Amino acid sequence: MAPTNSRLDNTGQEPVEAHRRYQTNDELKDAVTAAFADITPQQLRKMSQRTWRRIQLCIHNDGAHTYPLD
């Protein structure tokens, strides 16, 4: 089944399926497993750094939304 919509990931490299309907739970499970296998250590570090930054911003802003400050 072809994706209904695709885009480039944030590095501009591999195409990423934005929307897809899976026929079975096993197809969905396989797609999730494959997507997790493609995550690089660099992506994990960046996500971790951003998460801690948002936690700190939230603390400094008494729990207020942080998206304008990111």
Protein backbone atom coordinates (compact mmCIF):
# COMPACT_ATOMS: atom_id res chain seq x y z
CA MET A 1 0.00 0.00 0.00
CA ALA A 2 1.44 3.38 -1.00
CA PRO A 3 1.61 6.20 1.54
CA THR A 4 -1.08 8.84 1.25
CA ASN A 5 1.33 11.61 2.14
CA SER A 6 5.11 11.71 2.48
CA ARG A 7 7.63 14.36 3.46
CA LEU A 8 11.33 14.65 4.20
CA ASP A 9 12.55 14.21 7.73
CA ASN A 10 14.20 17.06 9.64
CA THR A 11 17.59 16.29 8.09
CA GLY A 12 16.20 16.49 4.55
CA GLN A 13 17.30 12.95 3.77
CA GLU A 14 15.13 9.85 3.87
CA PRO A 15 11.46 10.17 2.98
CA VAL A 16 9.18 9.58 5.94
CA GLU A 17 5.61 8.37 5.67
CA ALA A 18 3.39 10.94 7.33
CA HIS A 19 0.12 8.99 7.08
CA ARG A 20 -0.51 5.35 6.47
CA ARG A 21 -3.33 2.98 7.24
CA TYR A 22 -2.22 -0.47 8.30
CA GLN A 23 -4.35 -3.49 7.56
CA THR A 24 -3.26 -5.49 10.60
CA ASN A 25 -1.76 -4.90 14.01
CA ASP A 26 1.29 -6.87 12.90
CA GLU A 27 1.88 -4.41 10.02
CA LEU A 28 1.67 -1.53 12.47
CA LYS A 29 3.99 -3.28 14.93
CA ASP A 30 6.55 -3.93 12.18
CA ALA A 31 6.39 -0.30 11.04
CA VAL A 32 6.92 1.00 14.58
CA THR A 33 9.82 -1.41 15.15
CA ALA A 34 11.45 -0.30 11.88
CA ALA A 35 10.98 3.38 12.73
CA PHE A 36 12.62 2.93 16.14
CA ALA A 37 15.54 1.08 14.53
CA ASP A 38 16.21 4.15 12.36
CA ILE A 39 16.65 6.54 15.31
CA THR A 40 20.30 7.57 15.62
CA PRO A 41 22.24 8.26 18.83
CA GLN A 42 22.57 11.89 17.68
CA GLN A 43 18.78 12.20 17.44
CA LEU A 44 18.39 10.74 20.94
CA ARG A 45 20.94 13.19 22.38
CA LYS A 46 19.22 16.15 20.71
CA MET A 47 15.82 15.04 22.00
CA SER A 48 17.19 14.57 25.50
CA GLN A 49 18.80 18.02 25.52
CA ARG A 50 15.60 19.64 24.27
CA THR A 51 13.51 17.80 26.86
CA TRP A 52 15.71 18.97 29.74
CA ARG A 53 15.68 22.53 28.35
CA ARG A 54 11.88 22.49 28.28
CA ILE A 55 11.75 21.12 31.83
CA GLN A 56 14.02 23.94 33.01
CA LEU A 57 11.94 26.54 31.15
CA CYS A 58 8.78 25.13 32.71
CA ILE A 59 10.30 25.33 36.21
CA HIS A 60 11.52 28.90 35.65
CA ASN A 61 8.09 29.92 34.35
CA ASP A 62 6.06 28.39 37.19
CA GLY A 63 4.66 25.64 34.97
CA ALA A 64 3.57 27.95 32.15
CA HIS A 65 3.70 26.87 28.53
CA THR A 66 7.24 26.96 27.12
CA TYR A 67 6.71 26.87 23.35
CA PRO A 68 7.20 30.65 22.87
CA LEU A 69 10.51 30.36 24.73
CA ASP A 70 12.00 27.36 22.94
